[in-house]
Amino acid sequence: MPLWLLVVLVVGGIGMTVLAVHVTGGTVMARLADERQARERYIQDFPEDQIETVVLDADGRNAVLALAGGAAGIIHAFGDRFLTRRLVGDGVVVASGDSRALTVTLDDFTCPALSMRFCDDESFDTAHAALERAGARETA
């Protein structure tokens, strides 16, 4: 088989695979529409938790939940799915680089860090307070 034909077949095959993934919805990014959806998503994984407040970030890809008993929860969009975590203790480090932005570092190899930007100061303060209440350490 000539080399040029092999190259055409490989490039065409990869292109068709990428197109098939895109057409079937594989490139769609998950978003949280509102607080109700965030509550429902979190309760699917942690039905015993009582959610007090929910704060969505500006783009709807993350949410911070204040839970009864001083814990916090995080929902993070990962591709077209969501990753949920219950946070308690000192395995969480929070850094606020500028106003309305948080970087959360977790003791979890499946989700080691995530960044959130909030649309207003009130949302930022509520999310930051929920994480601190759960035992998150602050870094500069």
C-alpha atoms as a PDB file:
ATOM      1  CA  MET A   1       0.000   0.000   0.000  1.00  0.00           C
ATOM      2  CA  PRO A   2       1.429   3.397  -0.890  1.00  0.00           C
ATOM      3  CA  LEU A   3       2.320   5.671   2.031  1.00  0.00           C
ATOM      4  CA  TRP A   4       0.075   8.496   0.814  1.00  0.00           C
ATOM      5  CA  LEU A   5      -2.940   6.163   0.862  1.00  0.00           C
ATOM      6  CA  LEU A   6      -2.156   5.045   4.410  1.00  0.00           C
ATOM      7  CA  VAL A   7      -1.894   8.680   5.538  1.00  0.00           C
ATOM      8  CA  VAL A   8      -5.237   9.519   3.899  1.00  0.00           C
ATOM      9  CA  LEU A   9      -6.927   6.533   5.583  1.00  0.00           C
ATOM     10  CA  VAL A  10      -5.523   7.368   9.043  1.00  0.00           C
ATOM     11  CA  VAL A  11      -6.326  11.086   8.838  1.00  0.00           C
ATOM     12  CA  GLY A  12      -9.783  10.338   7.422  1.00  0.00           C
ATOM     13  CA  GLY A  13     -10.475   7.783  10.159  1.00  0.00           C
ATOM     14  CA  ILE A  14      -9.450  10.166  12.926  1.00  0.00           C
ATOM     15  CA  GLY A  15     -11.504  12.955  11.354  1.00  0.00           C
ATOM     16  CA  MET A  16     -14.595  10.731  11.097  1.00  0.00           C
ATOM     17  CA  THR A  17     -14.201   9.657  14.726  1.00  0.00           C
ATOM     18  CA  VAL A  18     -13.978  13.268  15.925  1.00  0.00           C
ATOM     19  CA  LEU A  19     -16.999  14.189  13.823  1.00  0.00           C
ATOM     20  CA  ALA A  20     -19.008  11.242  15.191  1.00  0.00           C
ATOM     21  CA  VAL A  21     -18.200  12.224  18.790  1.00  0.00           C
ATOM     22  CA  HIS A  22     -19.216  15.823  18.117  1.00  0.00           C
ATOM     23  CA  VAL A  23     -22.475  14.920  16.332  1.00  0.00           C
ATOM     24  CA  THR A  24     -23.546  12.534  19.109  1.00  0.00           C
ATOM     25  CA  GLY A  25     -23.084  15.241  21.762  1.00  0.00           C
ATOM     26  CA  GLY A  26     -19.684  14.246  23.097  1.00  0.00           C
ATOM     27  CA  THR A  27     -18.376  17.812  23.031  1.00  0.00           C
ATOM     28  CA  VAL A  28     -21.268  19.344  24.995  1.00  0.00           C
ATOM     29  CA  MET A  29     -20.179  20.960  28.272  1.00  0.00           C
ATOM     30  CA  ALA A  30     -22.412  20.412  31.293  1.00  0.00           C
ATOM     31  CA  ARG A  31     -23.916  23.479  32.973  1.00  0.00           C
ATOM     32  CA  LEU A  32     -26.048  23.998  36.056  1.00  0.00           C
ATOM     33  CA  ALA A  33     -29.103  26.039  35.076  1.00  0.00           C
ATOM     34  CA  ASP A  34     -30.128  27.126  38.572  1.00  0.00           C
ATOM     35  CA  GLU A  35     -29.966  26.354  42.296  1.00  0.00           C
ATOM     36  CA  ARG A  36     -32.736  23.769  42.029  1.00  0.00           C
ATOM     37  CA  GLN A  37     -30.768  21.712  39.524  1.00  0.00           C
ATOM     38  CA  ALA A  38     -27.658  21.972  41.715  1.00  0.00           C
ATOM     39  CA  ARG A  39     -29.632  20.723  44.749  1.00  0.00           C
ATOM     40  CA  GLU A  40     -31.090  17.806  42.788  1.00  0.00           C
ATOM     41  CA  ARG A  41     -27.682  16.857  41.407  1.00  0.00           C
ATOM     42  CA  TYR A  42     -26.015  16.921  44.826  1.00  0.00           C
ATOM     43  CA  ILE A  43     -28.819  14.929  46.494  1.00  0.00           C
ATOM     44  CA  GLN A  44     -28.376  12.144  43.912  1.00  0.00           C
ATOM     45  CA  ASP A  45     -24.957  11.393  45.401  1.00  0.00           C
ATOM     46  CA  PHE A  46     -25.479  12.478  49.007  1.00  0.00           C
ATOM     47  CA  PRO A  47     -29.178  11.983  49.879  1.00  0.00           C
ATOM     48  CA  GLU A  48     -28.577  12.190  53.643  1.00  0.00           C
ATOM     49  CA  ASP A  49     -27.159  15.746  53.549  1.00  0.00           C
ATOM     50  CA  GLN A  50     -29.279  18.790  54.330  1.00  0.00           C
ATOM     51  CA  ILE A  51     -28.472  21.679  51.989  1.00  0.00           C
ATOM     52  CA  GLU A  52     -28.696  25.152  53.513  1.00  0.00           C
ATOM     53  CA  THR A  53     -27.521  27.400  50.663  1.00  0.00           C
ATOM     54  CA  VAL A  54     -26.369  26.982  47.072  1.00  0.00           C
ATOM     55  CA  VAL A  55     -24.102  29.379  45.174  1.00  0.00           C
ATOM     56  CA  LEU A  56     -23.453  28.965  41.451  1.00  0.00           C
ATOM     57  CA  ASP A  57     -20.378  30.420  39.811  1.00  0.00           C
ATOM     58  CA  ALA A  58     -20.696  32.860  36.903  1.00  0.00           C
ATOM     59  CA  ASP A  59     -20.600  30.281  34.107  1.00  0.00           C
ATOM     60  CA  GLY A  60     -22.724  27.603  35.813  1.00  0.00           C
ATOM     61  CA  ARG A  61     -19.977  24.971  35.747  1.00  0.00           C
ATOM     62  CA  ASN A  62     -19.434  24.920  39.536  1.00  0.00           C
ATOM     63  CA  ALA A  63     -21.529  25.245  42.658  1.00  0.00           C
ATOM     64  CA  VAL A  64     -20.672  25.523  46.337  1.00  0.00           C
ATOM     65  CA  LEU A  65     -23.222  24.220  48.824  1.00  0.00           C
ATOM     66  CA  ALA A  66     -23.344  25.028  52.523  1.00  0.00           C
ATOM     67  CA  LEU A  67     -24.540  21.918  54.358  1.00  0.00           C
ATOM     68  CA  ALA A  68     -26.046  21.436  57.800  1.00  0.00           C
ATOM     69  CA  GLY A  69     -23.470  20.496  60.405  1.00  0.00           C
ATOM     70  CA  GLY A  70     -20.733  22.740  59.034  1.00  0.00           C
ATOM     71  CA  ALA A  71     -19.787  20.731  55.957  1.00  0.00           C
ATOM     72  CA  ALA A  72     -19.689  22.019  52.400  1.00  0.00           C
ATOM     73  CA  GLY A  73     -20.329  20.437  49.048  1.00  0.00           C
ATOM     74  CA  ILE A  74     -18.948  21.129  45.607  1.00  0.00           C
ATOM     75  CA  ILE A  75     -20.418  20.319  42.223  1.00  0.00           C
ATOM     76  CA  HIS A  76     -18.014  20.580  39.301  1.00  0.00           C
ATOM     77  CA  ALA A  77     -18.860  20.095  35.632  1.00  0.00           C
ATOM     78  CA  PHE A  78     -16.497  17.595  34.071  1.00  0.00           C
ATOM     79  CA  GLY A  79     -17.190  17.310  30.359  1.00  0.00           C
ATOM     80  CA  ASP A  80     -20.862  16.449  29.977  1.00  0.00           C
ATOM     81  CA  ARG A  81     -21.162  15.074  33.540  1.00  0.00           C
ATOM     82  CA  PHE A  82     -20.911  16.416  37.076  1.00  0.00           C
ATOM     83  CA  LEU A  83     -18.513  15.537  39.850  1.00  0.00           C
ATOM     84  CA  THR A  84     -19.793  16.024  43.412  1.00  0.00           C
ATOM     85  CA  ARG A  85     -17.722  16.137  46.578  1.00  0.00           C
ATOM     86  CA  ARG A  86     -18.564  16.535  50.261  1.00  0.00           C
ATOM     87  CA  LEU A  87     -15.911  18.620  52.019  1.00  0.00           C
ATOM     88  CA  VAL A  88     -15.101  18.341  55.711  1.00  0.00           C
ATOM     89  CA  GLY A  89     -11.796  18.885  57.477  1.00  0.00           C
ATOM     90  CA  ASP A  90      -8.439  20.187  56.438  1.00  0.00           C
ATOM     91  CA  GLY A  91      -8.111  18.501  53.036  1.00  0.00           C
ATOM     92  CA  VAL A  92      -9.265  21.693  51.311  1.00  0.00           C
ATOM     93  CA  VAL A  93      -7.191  24.786  50.541  1.00  0.00           C
ATOM     94  CA  VAL A  94      -8.838  27.957  49.241  1.00  0.00           C
ATOM     95  CA  ALA A  95      -7.010  30.798  47.523  1.00  0.00           C
ATOM     96  CA  SER A  96      -8.751  34.000  46.472  1.00  0.00           C
ATOM     97  CA  GLY A  97      -6.556  35.598  43.837  1.00  0.00           C
ATOM     98  CA  ASP A  98      -8.719  38.606  43.120  1.00  0.00           C
ATOM     99  CA  SER A  99     -12.210  39.715  43.941  1.00  0.00           C
ATOM    100  CA  ARG A 100     -14.882  37.195  42.999  1.00  0.00           C
ATOM    101  CA  ALA A 101     -12.424  34.385  42.128  1.00  0.00           C
ATOM    102  CA  LEU A 102     -11.633  31.263  44.163  1.00  0.00           C
ATOM    103  CA  THR A 103      -9.200  28.457  43.515  1.00  0.00           C
ATOM    104  CA  VAL A 104     -10.035  25.370  45.540  1.00  0.00           C
ATOM    105  CA  THR A 105      -7.361  22.692  45.981  1.00  0.00           C
ATOM    106  CA  LEU A 106      -8.641  19.322  47.156  1.00  0.00           C
ATOM    107  CA  ASP A 107      -6.949  16.281  48.656  1.00  0.00           C
ATOM    108  CA  ASP A 108      -8.487  14.204  45.873  1.00  0.00           C
ATOM    109  CA  PHE A 109      -6.602  12.845  42.890  1.00  0.00           C
ATOM    110  CA  THR A 110      -9.794  12.692  40.790  1.00  0.00           C
ATOM    111  CA  CYS A 111     -10.356  16.445  41.170  1.00  0.00           C
ATOM    112  CA  PRO A 112      -7.181  18.049  42.513  1.00  0.00           C
ATOM    113  CA  ALA A 113      -8.131  21.694  41.908  1.00  0.00           C
ATOM    114  CA  LEU A 114     -10.826  23.869  40.423  1.00  0.00           C
ATOM    115  CA  SER A 115     -11.293  27.558  39.787  1.00  0.00           C
ATOM    116  CA  MET A 116     -14.496  29.489  40.228  1.00  0.00           C
ATOM    117  CA  ARG A 117     -15.406  33.053  39.341  1.00  0.00           C
ATOM    118  CA  PHE A 118     -18.580  34.516  40.829  1.00  0.00           C
ATOM    119  CA  CYS A 119     -20.769  37.184  39.255  1.00  0.00           C
ATOM    120  CA  ASP A 120     -21.104  39.335  42.391  1.00  0.00           C
ATOM    121  CA  ASP A 121     -19.467  39.933  45.751  1.00  0.00           C
ATOM    122  CA  GLU A 122     -22.368  38.442  47.710  1.00  0.00           C
ATOM    123  CA  SER A 123     -22.065  35.091  45.905  1.00  0.00           C
ATOM    124  CA  PHE A 124     -18.306  35.113  46.387  1.00  0.00           C
ATOM    125  CA  ASP A 125     -18.615  35.867  50.116  1.00  0.00           C
ATOM    126  CA  THR A 126     -21.272  33.164  50.629  1.00  0.00           C
ATOM    127  CA  ALA A 127     -19.217  30.502  48.827  1.00  0.00           C
ATOM    128  CA  HIS A 128     -16.016  31.503  50.615  1.00  0.00           C
ATOM    129  CA  ALA A 129     -17.748  31.401  54.009  1.00  0.00           C
ATOM    130  CA  ALA A 130     -19.218  27.948  53.297  1.00  0.00           C
ATOM    131  CA  LEU A 131     -15.778  26.564  52.435  1.00  0.00           C
ATOM    132  CA  GLU A 132     -14.159  28.156  55.502  1.00  0.00           C
ATOM    133  CA  ARG A 133     -16.911  26.786  57.733  1.00  0.00           C
ATOM    134  CA  ALA A 134     -16.142  23.303  56.381  1.00  0.00           C
ATOM    135  CA  GLY A 135     -12.527  23.645  57.529  1.00  0.00           C
ATOM    136  CA  ALA A 136     -10.822  24.932  54.396  1.00  0.00           C
ATOM    137  CA  ARG A 137      -7.441  26.560  54.932  1.00  0.00           C
ATOM    138  CA  GLU A 138      -6.797  29.944  53.345  1.00  0.00           C
ATOM    139  CA  THR A 139      -3.673  30.728  51.319  1.00  0.00           C
ATOM    140  CA  ALA A 140      -2.623  33.996  49.798  1.00  0.00           C
END
